[in-house]
Every structure is written in structure tokens, then in C-alpha cells.
Amino acid sequence: MDISEYAIYGDHVERMKEIVKEMESRIISLREKILSEQRMDPIEHYLARIKSDESMREKCRRNGLPETEESALNKIMDAIGVRIVCPFLDDVYVMRDYLVQMPDFVLVQEKDYIRNAKPNGYRSYHLIMRSFDGYYIEVQLRTISMDTWAALEHHIRYKKDLPCDAELVFKELKRCADELAATDVSMQAIKNLISDDD
């Protein structure tokens, strides 16, 4: 590992890597528990990472904060990030309920951007957790549709020169987000119909 990749975190990198592994282990355990109870896998896939030095410094600048270890670990609360992508809407909330009950982690903040979508159409469920020894972890819970939209929106938003009317592009993105949200509701209804027959 190139030390400069995480230089802003100073001596905390090894502990942060341990927390990433702990979170992955707990997610696997939760997945197995829910799968055994409900006979359906609540997770399509998940990712866990430590934000790179470059990304964290850029975020500090965007937020008007000094590019320091203190800012990175205590002012910005997503140095450690976990994204869990679920097949269905209900799975997001089931995972949320399990995660907030994990021992050694405390729920600090949560935002439901599924029921209260952002104006641009972004949907996701965000949790900020804190480990017993004070490290913040941002957890994002999404459906497959939400994750696909967010990835494509990110590519478009960070394209330097849009070759057409930007307002029209963002209006279309919002329309796509709303259509995908309706699809999520329909897929959940189909899942519920199948489950009721069991």
C-alpha cells in the first residue's frame, strides 16, 4: 500500500482498515442471518472503503475546512464508507434495522432520501455510525435501481462540458430517477405477492 494514498489520516490508517474488515464481517453475518430467516438474500452486493487522501482533501476544501487529520476524522464523517445495495425496498429498511443494533457501534445520524428524495431525484438511506473508539462510518443503503441511477448521474454530473442544455439533462435525470423509484415500488409489490403465496 502506498502510504501517501491515506496520508491525511496519519497513524489511524491501520485501525481504519480494521474497522472496514469488521464492518464487512458484520455485513456477511447479517446477510446470512436474514437469508436463513427469510430465505431471500437481502444484499445484491456491498462495498467498503477508506476515502483516498486526494478525495478527502478535496472534500475538506469544498467544506471550507483545513486539510488536516482532525478535519478528516472528526469534521467530515465519511472517511470510512460502506455501500450496501439491496434487491428490494424492504431489504433496505431491514438492513437499516439490523445495522443500528450492532454492538460497538452507535447511530449518530440518519437521513432517509428514499421517502424524502433530493430535488435532483437522488434516493438512498444514509446512516452515520461511530465505532466504540470514535471512528465515523457512513453507510449508504440503496436498491439496485437507486445505485444504477446514482452511478450514471455521477458520470454525467462530472462531465466537464455538457454538449447540450444542462438544465434539460438534469430534468431528464430527475425523470429517470422517478421512473426507477416507481419500478422499485412495483418490484416490491411483486415480491410481496410471491411471499404471500408461501
N, C-alpha and C. Protein backbone atom coordinates (compact mmCIF):
# COMPACT_ATOMS: atom_id res chain seq x y z
N MET A 1 0.84 -1.19 0.00
CA MET A 1 0.00 0.00 0.00
C MET A 1 0.87 1.24 0.00
N ASP A 2 0.55 2.19 -0.84
CA ASP A 2 1.24 3.47 -0.88
C ASP A 2 0.73 4.32 0.28
N ILE A 3 1.63 4.66 1.22
CA ILE A 3 1.26 5.42 2.41
C ILE A 3 0.59 6.75 2.04
N SER A 4 1.06 7.39 0.96
CA SER A 4 0.51 8.69 0.56
C SER A 4 -0.96 8.59 0.18
N GLU A 5 -1.43 7.38 -0.14
CA GLU A 5 -2.83 7.20 -0.51
C GLU A 5 -3.77 7.60 0.62
N TYR A 6 -3.29 7.46 1.88
CA TYR A 6 -4.11 7.78 3.04
C TYR A 6 -3.38 8.71 4.01
N ALA A 7 -2.47 9.53 3.51
CA ALA A 7 -1.59 10.33 4.38
C ALA A 7 -2.35 11.24 5.34
N ILE A 8 -3.48 11.76 4.93
CA ILE A 8 -4.20 12.71 5.76
C ILE A 8 -4.67 12.10 7.09
N TYR A 9 -4.77 10.78 7.14
CA TYR A 9 -5.26 10.11 8.36
C TYR A 9 -4.15 9.81 9.37
N GLY A 10 -2.92 10.12 9.04
CA GLY A 10 -1.82 9.93 9.98
C GLY A 10 -1.69 8.48 10.42
N ASP A 11 -1.60 8.30 11.74
CA ASP A 11 -1.39 6.96 12.32
C ASP A 11 -2.68 6.14 12.44
N HIS A 12 -3.77 6.65 11.94
CA HIS A 12 -5.07 6.00 12.14
C HIS A 12 -5.40 4.97 11.05
N VAL A 13 -4.60 4.88 10.02
CA VAL A 13 -4.94 4.06 8.86
C VAL A 13 -5.15 2.59 9.22
N GLU A 14 -4.25 2.04 10.02
CA GLU A 14 -4.37 0.60 10.34
C GLU A 14 -5.67 0.31 11.07
N ARG A 15 -6.03 1.17 12.03
CA ARG A 15 -7.28 0.96 12.76
C ARG A 15 -8.48 1.13 11.82
N MET A 16 -8.40 2.07 10.91
CA MET A 16 -9.48 2.27 9.94
C MET A 16 -9.65 1.04 9.06
N LYS A 17 -8.54 0.44 8.66
CA LYS A 17 -8.61 -0.79 7.85
C LYS A 17 -9.25 -1.92 8.66
N GLU A 18 -8.95 -1.98 9.95
CA GLU A 18 -9.58 -2.99 10.82
C GLU A 18 -11.09 -2.79 10.88
N ILE A 19 -11.51 -1.53 10.97
CA ILE A 19 -12.94 -1.24 11.04
C ILE A 19 -13.63 -1.65 9.74
N VAL A 20 -12.99 -1.39 8.61
CA VAL A 20 -13.54 -1.82 7.32
C VAL A 20 -13.76 -3.33 7.33
N LYS A 21 -12.76 -4.07 7.82
CA LYS A 21 -12.89 -5.54 7.89
C LYS A 21 -13.99 -5.96 8.85
N GLU A 22 -14.08 -5.26 10.00
CA GLU A 22 -15.14 -5.57 10.97
C GLU A 22 -16.52 -5.34 10.35
N MET A 23 -16.67 -4.23 9.65
CA MET A 23 -17.96 -3.94 9.01
C MET A 23 -18.29 -5.00 7.96
N GLU A 24 -17.31 -5.39 7.17
CA GLU A 24 -17.55 -6.42 6.16
C GLU A 24 -17.98 -7.73 6.81
N SER A 25 -17.31 -8.09 7.90
CA SER A 25 -17.64 -9.32 8.62
C SER A 25 -19.06 -9.27 9.18
N ARG A 26 -19.44 -8.12 9.71
CA ARG A 26 -20.79 -7.99 10.27
C ARG A 26 -21.85 -8.01 9.18
N ILE A 27 -21.55 -7.40 8.05
CA ILE A 27 -22.50 -7.41 6.93
C ILE A 27 -22.71 -8.85 6.45
N ILE A 28 -21.64 -9.61 6.34
CA ILE A 28 -21.75 -11.01 5.93
C ILE A 28 -22.60 -11.79 6.93
N SER A 29 -22.37 -11.57 8.23
CA SER A 29 -23.16 -12.24 9.27
C SER A 29 -24.63 -11.86 9.20
N LEU A 30 -24.90 -10.56 9.03
CA LEU A 30 -26.28 -10.11 8.91
C LEU A 30 -26.96 -10.72 7.69
N ARG A 31 -26.21 -10.77 6.59
CA ARG A 31 -26.73 -11.35 5.36
C ARG A 31 -27.13 -12.81 5.58
N GLU A 32 -26.25 -13.56 6.21
CA GLU A 32 -26.53 -14.98 6.46
C GLU A 32 -27.71 -15.16 7.41
N LYS A 33 -27.80 -14.32 8.43
CA LYS A 33 -28.90 -14.39 9.40
C LYS A 33 -30.24 -14.13 8.72
N ILE A 34 -30.30 -13.05 7.93
CA ILE A 34 -31.55 -12.70 7.25
C ILE A 34 -31.91 -13.76 6.21
N LEU A 35 -30.91 -14.25 5.49
CA LEU A 35 -31.14 -15.28 4.48
C LEU A 35 -31.71 -16.55 5.12
N SER A 36 -31.20 -16.92 6.29
CA SER A 36 -31.71 -18.12 6.96
C SER A 36 -33.12 -17.91 7.49
N GLU A 37 -33.43 -16.68 7.93
CA GLU A 37 -34.76 -16.39 8.48
C GLU A 37 -35.82 -16.20 7.39
N GLN A 38 -35.45 -15.52 6.31
CA GLN A 38 -36.44 -15.13 5.31
C GLN A 38 -36.31 -15.90 3.99
N ARG A 39 -35.25 -16.68 3.84
CA ARG A 39 -34.99 -17.46 2.64
C ARG A 39 -34.85 -16.60 1.38
N MET A 40 -34.51 -15.32 1.57
CA MET A 40 -34.20 -14.43 0.45
C MET A 40 -32.99 -13.60 0.83
N ASP A 41 -32.09 -13.44 -0.12
CA ASP A 41 -30.86 -12.69 0.12
C ASP A 41 -31.18 -11.20 0.12
N PRO A 42 -30.90 -10.48 1.24
CA PRO A 42 -31.23 -9.06 1.30
C PRO A 42 -30.18 -8.14 0.66
N ILE A 43 -29.08 -8.73 0.17
CA ILE A 43 -27.99 -7.92 -0.36
C ILE A 43 -27.63 -8.38 -1.77
N GLU A 44 -27.63 -7.46 -2.70
CA GLU A 44 -27.16 -7.74 -4.05
C GLU A 44 -25.63 -7.70 -4.06
N HIS A 45 -25.06 -6.63 -3.51
CA HIS A 45 -23.61 -6.54 -3.31
C HIS A 45 -23.32 -5.40 -2.34
N TYR A 46 -22.09 -5.34 -1.87
CA TYR A 46 -21.70 -4.25 -0.98
C TYR A 46 -20.25 -3.88 -1.25
N LEU A 47 -19.90 -2.66 -0.87
CA LEU A 47 -18.54 -2.15 -1.00
C LEU A 47 -18.17 -1.47 0.31
N ALA A 48 -16.92 -1.59 0.71
CA ALA A 48 -16.42 -0.87 1.88
C ALA A 48 -15.07 -0.29 1.51
N ARG A 49 -14.82 0.96 1.91
CA ARG A 49 -13.58 1.61 1.51
C ARG A 49 -13.18 2.70 2.51
N ILE A 50 -11.93 3.09 2.43
CA ILE A 50 -11.43 4.28 3.11
C ILE A 50 -11.27 5.34 2.02
N LYS A 51 -11.83 6.52 2.27
CA LYS A 51 -11.72 7.60 1.26
C LYS A 51 -10.26 7.94 1.05
N SER A 52 -9.86 8.08 -0.20
CA SER A 52 -8.45 8.37 -0.51
C SER A 52 -8.04 9.74 0.01
N ASP A 53 -6.74 9.92 0.17
CA ASP A 53 -6.18 11.19 0.62
C ASP A 53 -6.65 12.32 -0.29
N GLU A 54 -6.56 12.12 -1.59
CA GLU A 54 -6.93 13.15 -2.55
C GLU A 54 -8.41 13.52 -2.43
N SER A 55 -9.29 12.51 -2.33
CA SER A 55 -10.73 12.77 -2.21
C SER A 55 -11.06 13.48 -0.91
N MET A 56 -10.40 13.07 0.18
CA MET A 56 -10.67 13.70 1.47
C MET A 56 -10.20 15.15 1.49
N ARG A 57 -9.03 15.41 0.92
CA ARG A 57 -8.54 16.79 0.87
C ARG A 57 -9.48 17.68 0.04
N GLU A 58 -9.96 17.12 -1.07
CA GLU A 58 -10.88 17.87 -1.91
C GLU A 58 -12.17 18.18 -1.15
N LYS A 59 -12.65 17.21 -0.36
CA LYS A 59 -13.88 17.42 0.41
C LYS A 59 -13.66 18.44 1.51
N CYS A 60 -12.49 18.43 2.13
CA CYS A 60 -12.16 19.46 3.14
C CYS A 60 -12.22 20.84 2.50
N ARG A 61 -11.63 20.98 1.33
CA ARG A 61 -11.63 22.28 0.64
C ARG A 61 -13.05 22.72 0.31
N ARG A 62 -13.86 21.78 -0.20
CA ARG A 62 -15.25 22.09 -0.54
C ARG A 62 -16.04 22.58 0.66
N ASN A 63 -15.69 22.04 1.84
CA ASN A 63 -16.41 22.39 3.07
C ASN A 63 -15.74 23.51 3.86
N GLY A 64 -14.71 24.11 3.29
CA GLY A 64 -14.03 25.22 3.95
C GLY A 64 -13.27 24.81 5.20
N LEU A 65 -12.79 23.58 5.21
CA LEU A 65 -12.07 23.06 6.38
C LEU A 65 -10.59 22.93 6.06
N PRO A 66 -9.73 23.05 7.09
CA PRO A 66 -8.31 22.80 6.85
C PRO A 66 -8.08 21.34 6.47
N GLU A 67 -7.09 21.09 5.65
CA GLU A 67 -6.79 19.72 5.20
C GLU A 67 -5.94 19.02 6.26
N THR A 68 -6.60 18.64 7.35
CA THR A 68 -5.89 18.05 8.49
C THR A 68 -6.53 16.73 8.91
N GLU A 69 -5.78 16.00 9.71
CA GLU A 69 -6.28 14.75 10.29
C GLU A 69 -7.56 15.00 11.09
N GLU A 70 -7.59 16.08 11.86
CA GLU A 70 -8.75 16.43 12.67
C GLU A 70 -9.99 16.62 11.80
N SER A 71 -9.85 17.37 10.71
CA SER A 71 -10.98 17.57 9.79
C SER A 71 -11.43 16.24 9.20
N ALA A 72 -10.46 15.46 8.74
CA ALA A 72 -10.76 14.20 8.04
C ALA A 72 -11.46 13.19 8.93
N LEU A 73 -11.09 13.15 10.20
CA LEU A 73 -11.62 12.12 11.10
C LEU A 73 -12.78 12.58 11.97
N ASN A 74 -12.88 13.89 12.22
CA ASN A 74 -13.89 14.36 13.18
C ASN A 74 -14.88 15.37 12.65
N LYS A 75 -14.55 16.05 11.56
CA LYS A 75 -15.48 17.04 11.00
C LYS A 75 -16.25 16.45 9.82
N ILE A 76 -15.57 15.68 9.01
CA ILE A 76 -16.20 15.01 7.87
C ILE A 76 -16.38 13.55 8.30
N MET A 77 -17.59 13.06 8.18
CA MET A 77 -17.90 11.77 8.80
C MET A 77 -18.02 10.61 7.82
N ASP A 78 -17.28 10.69 6.68
CA ASP A 78 -17.35 9.57 5.75
C ASP A 78 -15.97 9.07 5.32
N ALA A 79 -14.97 9.22 6.19
CA ALA A 79 -13.63 8.70 5.86
C ALA A 79 -13.71 7.20 5.60
N ILE A 80 -14.55 6.53 6.39
CA ILE A 80 -14.84 5.11 6.15
C ILE A 80 -16.25 5.05 5.56
N GLY A 81 -16.38 4.40 4.43
CA GLY A 81 -17.68 4.34 3.78
C GLY A 81 -18.07 2.91 3.43
N VAL A 82 -19.35 2.63 3.59
CA VAL A 82 -19.90 1.32 3.23
C VAL A 82 -21.14 1.58 2.39
N ARG A 83 -21.24 0.88 1.28
CA ARG A 83 -22.45 0.95 0.46
C ARG A 83 -23.01 -0.45 0.34
N ILE A 84 -24.28 -0.59 0.71
CA ILE A 84 -24.96 -1.88 0.62
C ILE A 84 -26.10 -1.73 -0.39
N VAL A 85 -26.06 -2.55 -1.42
CA VAL A 85 -27.07 -2.49 -2.47
C VAL A 85 -27.99 -3.69 -2.30
N CYS A 86 -29.27 -3.39 -2.15
CA CYS A 86 -30.27 -4.42 -1.86
C CYS A 86 -31.19 -4.64 -3.07
N PRO A 87 -31.74 -5.85 -3.21
CA PRO A 87 -32.65 -6.09 -4.33
C PRO A 87 -33.96 -5.30 -4.23
N PHE A 88 -34.53 -5.22 -3.02
CA PHE A 88 -35.87 -4.64 -2.86
C PHE A 88 -35.89 -3.55 -1.80
N LEU A 89 -36.91 -2.68 -1.89
CA LEU A 89 -37.05 -1.57 -0.94
C LEU A 89 -37.09 -2.05 0.50
N ASP A 90 -37.89 -3.08 0.77
CA ASP A 90 -37.99 -3.57 2.15
C ASP A 90 -36.65 -4.02 2.70
N ASP A 91 -35.80 -4.56 1.83
CA ASP A 91 -34.48 -5.03 2.27
C ASP A 91 -33.64 -3.87 2.83
N VAL A 92 -33.79 -2.70 2.23
CA VAL A 92 -33.06 -1.52 2.71
C VAL A 92 -33.41 -1.26 4.17
N TYR A 93 -34.70 -1.30 4.49
CA TYR A 93 -35.13 -0.98 5.85
C TYR A 93 -34.83 -2.11 6.82
N VAL A 94 -34.88 -3.34 6.34
CA VAL A 94 -34.49 -4.47 7.18
C VAL A 94 -33.01 -4.36 7.55
N MET A 95 -32.18 -4.07 6.55
CA MET A 95 -30.73 -3.90 6.82
C MET A 95 -30.49 -2.73 7.77
N ARG A 96 -31.21 -1.65 7.57
CA ARG A 96 -31.07 -0.49 8.46
C ARG A 96 -31.34 -0.90 9.91
N ASP A 97 -32.43 -1.65 10.12
CA ASP A 97 -32.80 -2.03 11.48
C ASP A 97 -31.75 -2.93 12.13
N TYR A 98 -31.15 -3.82 11.36
CA TYR A 98 -30.09 -4.68 11.90
C TYR A 98 -28.83 -3.87 12.20
N LEU A 99 -28.46 -2.98 11.28
CA LEU A 99 -27.21 -2.22 11.44
C LEU A 99 -27.22 -1.34 12.68
N VAL A 100 -28.36 -0.70 12.96
CA VAL A 100 -28.38 0.22 14.10
C VAL A 100 -28.36 -0.51 15.44
N GLN A 101 -28.53 -1.83 15.41
CA GLN A 101 -28.48 -2.61 16.64
C GLN A 101 -27.11 -3.28 16.86
N MET A 102 -26.15 -3.01 15.97
CA MET A 102 -24.84 -3.65 16.11
C MET A 102 -24.16 -3.20 17.40
N PRO A 103 -23.61 -4.16 18.16
CA PRO A 103 -22.83 -3.76 19.33
C PRO A 103 -21.54 -3.08 18.90
N ASP A 104 -21.02 -2.21 19.73
CA ASP A 104 -19.76 -1.49 19.50
C ASP A 104 -19.88 -0.39 18.46
N PHE A 105 -21.08 -0.14 17.92
CA PHE A 105 -21.31 0.97 17.00
C PHE A 105 -22.54 1.73 17.45
N VAL A 106 -22.47 3.05 17.38
CA VAL A 106 -23.58 3.90 17.80
C VAL A 106 -24.10 4.67 16.59
N LEU A 107 -25.42 4.76 16.48
CA LEU A 107 -26.02 5.56 15.42
C LEU A 107 -25.89 7.03 15.78
N VAL A 108 -25.27 7.81 14.91
CA VAL A 108 -25.07 9.24 15.15
C VAL A 108 -26.11 10.05 14.38
N GLN A 109 -26.42 9.62 13.16
CA GLN A 109 -27.30 10.41 12.29
C GLN A 109 -27.86 9.49 11.22
N GLU A 110 -29.08 9.79 10.78
CA GLU A 110 -29.62 9.05 9.63
C GLU A 110 -30.50 9.97 8.80
N LYS A 111 -30.47 9.73 7.48
CA LYS A 111 -31.27 10.52 6.55
C LYS A 111 -31.90 9.56 5.55
N ASP A 112 -33.22 9.65 5.45
CA ASP A 112 -33.96 8.80 4.53
C ASP A 112 -34.23 9.58 3.25
N TYR A 113 -33.34 9.41 2.27
CA TYR A 113 -33.53 10.04 0.97
C TYR A 113 -34.33 9.15 0.02
N ILE A 114 -34.93 8.10 0.57
CA ILE A 114 -35.83 7.27 -0.23
C ILE A 114 -37.25 7.85 -0.12
N ARG A 115 -37.69 8.02 1.12
CA ARG A 115 -39.01 8.63 1.33
C ARG A 115 -38.98 10.14 1.09
N ASN A 116 -37.80 10.73 1.23
CA ASN A 116 -37.63 12.19 1.02
C ASN A 116 -36.48 12.40 0.04
N ALA A 117 -36.75 12.13 -1.23
CA ALA A 117 -35.70 12.21 -2.26
C ALA A 117 -35.16 13.63 -2.36
N LYS A 118 -33.88 13.72 -2.74
CA LYS A 118 -33.29 15.03 -3.01
C LYS A 118 -33.95 15.63 -4.25
N PRO A 119 -33.89 16.96 -4.39
CA PRO A 119 -34.55 17.60 -5.55
C PRO A 119 -34.10 17.06 -6.91
N ASN A 120 -32.85 16.58 -7.00
CA ASN A 120 -32.36 16.06 -8.29
C ASN A 120 -32.82 14.63 -8.56
N GLY A 121 -33.52 14.01 -7.59
CA GLY A 121 -34.01 12.65 -7.77
C GLY A 121 -33.21 11.60 -7.01
N TYR A 122 -32.10 12.00 -6.41
CA TYR A 122 -31.24 11.05 -5.67
C TYR A 122 -32.02 10.40 -4.55
N ARG A 123 -31.89 9.07 -4.47
CA ARG A 123 -32.53 8.30 -3.41
C ARG A 123 -31.52 7.33 -2.80
N SER A 124 -31.53 7.25 -1.49
CA SER A 124 -30.64 6.36 -0.76
C SER A 124 -30.97 6.53 0.72
N TYR A 125 -30.57 5.58 1.55
CA TYR A 125 -30.74 5.72 3.00
C TYR A 125 -29.35 5.84 3.61
N HIS A 126 -29.09 6.95 4.30
CA HIS A 126 -27.76 7.21 4.85
C HIS A 126 -27.75 7.07 6.37
N LEU A 127 -26.76 6.36 6.86
CA LEU A 127 -26.51 6.25 8.30
C LEU A 127 -25.11 6.73 8.58
N ILE A 128 -24.94 7.48 9.66
CA ILE A 128 -23.60 7.76 10.18
C ILE A 128 -23.50 6.99 11.48
N MET A 129 -22.55 6.07 11.52
CA MET A 129 -22.30 5.26 12.72
C MET A 129 -20.95 5.69 13.30
N ARG A 130 -20.77 5.44 14.59
CA ARG A 130 -19.47 5.69 15.21
C ARG A 130 -19.05 4.45 15.96
N SER A 131 -17.80 4.05 15.76
CA SER A 131 -17.28 2.88 16.46
C SER A 131 -17.05 3.23 17.93
N PHE A 132 -16.92 2.22 18.77
CA PHE A 132 -16.72 2.46 20.20
C PHE A 132 -15.49 3.32 20.48
N ASP A 133 -14.51 3.28 19.56
CA ASP A 133 -13.29 4.08 19.78
C ASP A 133 -13.28 5.37 18.95
N GLY A 134 -14.46 5.78 18.45
CA GLY A 134 -14.59 7.13 17.92
C GLY A 134 -14.42 7.35 16.43
N TYR A 135 -14.41 6.29 15.61
CA TYR A 135 -14.27 6.46 14.16
C TYR A 135 -15.65 6.47 13.51
N TYR A 136 -15.84 7.43 12.61
CA TYR A 136 -17.13 7.55 11.91
C TYR A 136 -17.15 6.68 10.66
N ILE A 137 -18.33 6.13 10.40
CA ILE A 137 -18.55 5.31 9.22
C ILE A 137 -19.85 5.79 8.58
N GLU A 138 -19.82 6.10 7.29
CA GLU A 138 -21.05 6.41 6.58
C GLU A 138 -21.51 5.14 5.88
N VAL A 139 -22.77 4.77 6.11
CA VAL A 139 -23.36 3.62 5.44
C VAL A 139 -24.46 4.13 4.51
N GLN A 140 -24.38 3.74 3.25
CA GLN A 140 -25.42 4.07 2.28
C GLN A 140 -26.13 2.77 1.91
N LEU A 141 -27.45 2.78 2.03
CA LEU A 141 -28.27 1.63 1.66
C LEU A 141 -29.11 2.03 0.45
N ARG A 142 -29.06 1.21 -0.60
CA ARG A 142 -29.78 1.52 -1.84
C ARG A 142 -30.35 0.25 -2.45
N THR A 143 -31.32 0.45 -3.31
CA THR A 143 -31.74 -0.66 -4.18
C THR A 143 -30.83 -0.66 -5.41
N ILE A 144 -30.95 -1.71 -6.21
CA ILE A 144 -30.17 -1.81 -7.45
C ILE A 144 -30.48 -0.62 -8.36
N SER A 145 -31.77 -0.27 -8.47
CA SER A 145 -32.17 0.85 -9.32
C SER A 145 -31.54 2.16 -8.85
N MET A 146 -31.59 2.41 -7.54
CA MET A 146 -31.01 3.64 -6.99
C MET A 146 -29.51 3.70 -7.24
N ASP A 147 -28.86 2.56 -7.09
CA ASP A 147 -27.40 2.52 -7.28
C ASP A 147 -27.03 2.77 -8.74
N THR A 148 -27.80 2.18 -9.64
CA THR A 148 -27.55 2.39 -11.07
C THR A 148 -27.72 3.86 -11.43
N TRP A 149 -28.81 4.45 -10.97
CA TRP A 149 -29.06 5.87 -11.27
C TRP A 149 -27.94 6.75 -10.70
N ALA A 150 -27.54 6.50 -9.45
CA ALA A 150 -26.50 7.33 -8.81
C ALA A 150 -25.18 7.24 -9.56
N ALA A 151 -24.84 6.03 -10.02
CA ALA A 151 -23.59 5.86 -10.77
C ALA A 151 -23.63 6.62 -12.09
N LEU A 152 -24.73 6.52 -12.81
CA LEU A 152 -24.84 7.21 -14.09
C LEU A 152 -24.92 8.72 -13.91
N GLU A 153 -25.65 9.16 -12.89
CA GLU A 153 -25.75 10.60 -12.60
C GLU A 153 -24.38 11.17 -12.27
N HIS A 154 -23.58 10.40 -11.53
CA HIS A 154 -22.22 10.84 -11.16
C HIS A 154 -21.38 11.05 -12.42
N HIS A 155 -21.46 10.12 -13.36
CA HIS A 155 -20.70 10.25 -14.61
C HIS A 155 -21.11 11.51 -15.38
N ILE A 156 -22.40 11.75 -15.44
CA ILE A 156 -22.90 12.90 -16.19
C ILE A 156 -22.57 14.21 -15.48
N ARG A 157 -22.78 14.25 -14.15
CA ARG A 157 -22.55 15.48 -13.39
C ARG A 157 -21.10 15.93 -13.48
N TYR A 158 -20.17 14.99 -13.51
CA TYR A 158 -18.76 15.36 -13.50
C TYR A 158 -18.15 15.44 -14.90
N LYS A 159 -19.00 15.34 -15.91
CA LYS A 159 -18.53 15.58 -17.28
C LYS A 159 -18.30 17.09 -17.40
N LYS A 160 -17.13 17.46 -17.82
CA LYS A 160 -16.73 18.88 -17.80
C LYS A 160 -17.60 19.77 -18.70
N ASP A 161 -17.78 19.35 -19.93
CA ASP A 161 -18.53 20.20 -20.87
C ASP A 161 -19.70 19.42 -21.43
N LEU A 162 -20.88 19.70 -20.89
CA LEU A 162 -22.07 19.07 -21.45
C LEU A 162 -22.33 19.69 -22.83
N PRO A 163 -22.51 18.87 -23.86
CA PRO A 163 -22.63 19.39 -25.22
C PRO A 163 -24.02 19.96 -25.52
N CYS A 164 -24.88 20.01 -24.52
CA CYS A 164 -26.24 20.48 -24.77
C CYS A 164 -26.75 21.25 -23.55
N ASP A 165 -28.00 21.52 -23.52
CA ASP A 165 -28.64 22.27 -22.44
C ASP A 165 -28.56 21.48 -21.13
N ALA A 166 -27.77 21.97 -20.18
CA ALA A 166 -27.57 21.27 -18.90
C ALA A 166 -28.87 21.15 -18.13
N GLU A 167 -29.71 22.17 -18.19
CA GLU A 167 -30.99 22.13 -17.47
C GLU A 167 -31.85 20.98 -17.96
N LEU A 168 -31.86 20.76 -19.27
CA LEU A 168 -32.62 19.66 -19.85
C LEU A 168 -32.07 18.31 -19.39
N VAL A 169 -30.74 18.20 -19.33
CA VAL A 169 -30.09 16.97 -18.88
C VAL A 169 -30.53 16.63 -17.46
N PHE A 170 -30.48 17.62 -16.57
CA PHE A 170 -30.82 17.35 -15.18
C PHE A 170 -32.32 17.09 -14.99
N LYS A 171 -33.13 17.71 -15.84
CA LYS A 171 -34.57 17.43 -15.81
C LYS A 171 -34.83 15.97 -16.22
N GLU A 172 -34.12 15.52 -17.24
CA GLU A 172 -34.27 14.13 -17.69
C GLU A 172 -33.75 13.15 -16.64
N LEU A 173 -32.66 13.51 -15.96
CA LEU A 173 -32.15 12.67 -14.88
C LEU A 173 -33.18 12.51 -13.76
N LYS A 174 -33.84 13.60 -13.43
CA LYS A 174 -34.88 13.56 -12.39
C LYS A 174 -36.02 12.67 -12.84
N ARG A 175 -36.42 12.78 -14.11
CA ARG A 175 -37.49 11.94 -14.64
C ARG A 175 -37.11 10.46 -14.55
N CYS A 176 -35.87 10.15 -14.91
CA CYS A 176 -35.39 8.76 -14.84
C CYS A 176 -35.41 8.26 -13.39
N ALA A 177 -34.98 9.11 -12.46
CA ALA A 177 -34.97 8.73 -11.05
C ALA A 177 -36.38 8.39 -10.58
N ASP A 178 -37.36 9.21 -10.99
CA ASP A 178 -38.75 8.97 -10.58
C ASP A 178 -39.30 7.69 -11.19
N GLU A 179 -38.94 7.42 -12.45
CA GLU A 179 -39.39 6.18 -13.10
C GLU A 179 -38.79 4.96 -12.41
N LEU A 180 -37.50 5.04 -12.07
CA LEU A 180 -36.86 3.92 -11.37
C LEU A 180 -37.46 3.72 -9.98
N ALA A 181 -37.82 4.81 -9.32
CA ALA A 181 -38.46 4.69 -8.00
C ALA A 181 -39.80 3.98 -8.12
N ALA A 182 -40.55 4.29 -9.18
CA ALA A 182 -41.82 3.61 -9.41
C ALA A 182 -41.59 2.13 -9.70
N THR A 183 -40.51 1.82 -10.41
CA THR A 183 -40.17 0.42 -10.68
C THR A 183 -39.84 -0.32 -9.38
N ASP A 184 -39.12 0.34 -8.49
CA ASP A 184 -38.81 -0.27 -7.18
C ASP A 184 -40.09 -0.62 -6.43
N VAL A 185 -41.06 0.27 -6.46
CA VAL A 185 -42.34 0.02 -5.77
C VAL A 185 -43.05 -1.17 -6.41
N SER A 186 -43.04 -1.22 -7.73
CA SER A 186 -43.69 -2.33 -8.43
C SER A 186 -43.00 -3.67 -8.14
N MET A 187 -41.67 -3.65 -8.15
CA MET A 187 -40.92 -4.89 -7.86
C MET A 187 -41.17 -5.36 -6.43
N GLN A 188 -41.28 -4.42 -5.50
CA GLN A 188 -41.59 -4.78 -4.11
C GLN A 188 -42.97 -5.42 -4.03
N ALA A 189 -43.92 -4.86 -4.77
CA ALA A 189 -45.27 -5.42 -4.77
C ALA A 189 -45.27 -6.85 -5.31
N ILE A 190 -44.49 -7.09 -6.36
CA ILE A 190 -44.38 -8.45 -6.92
C ILE A 190 -43.75 -9.39 -5.89
N LYS A 191 -42.71 -8.93 -5.23
CA LYS A 191 -42.07 -9.76 -4.19
C LYS A 191 -43.09 -10.11 -3.10
N ASN A 192 -43.87 -9.11 -2.69
CA ASN A 192 -44.87 -9.34 -1.64
C ASN A 192 -45.92 -10.35 -2.07
N LEU A 193 -46.31 -10.31 -3.34
CA LEU A 193 -47.29 -11.28 -3.86
C LEU A 193 -46.72 -12.69 -3.79
N ILE A 194 -45.45 -12.83 -4.19
CA ILE A 194 -44.80 -14.14 -4.15
C ILE A 194 -44.67 -14.64 -2.72
N SER A 195 -44.30 -13.73 -1.81
CA SER A 195 -44.10 -14.08 -0.41
C SER A 195 -45.41 -14.51 0.23
N ASP A 196 -46.52 -13.84 -0.15
CA ASP A 196 -47.84 -14.17 0.42
C ASP A 196 -48.29 -15.57 0.03
N ASP A 197 -47.76 -16.07 -1.11
CA ASP A 197 -48.13 -17.41 -1.55
C ASP A 197 -47.38 -18.52 -0.82
N ASP A 198 -46.32 -18.15 -0.08
CA ASP A 198 -45.51 -19.17 0.62
C ASP A 198 -46.24 -19.73 1.83
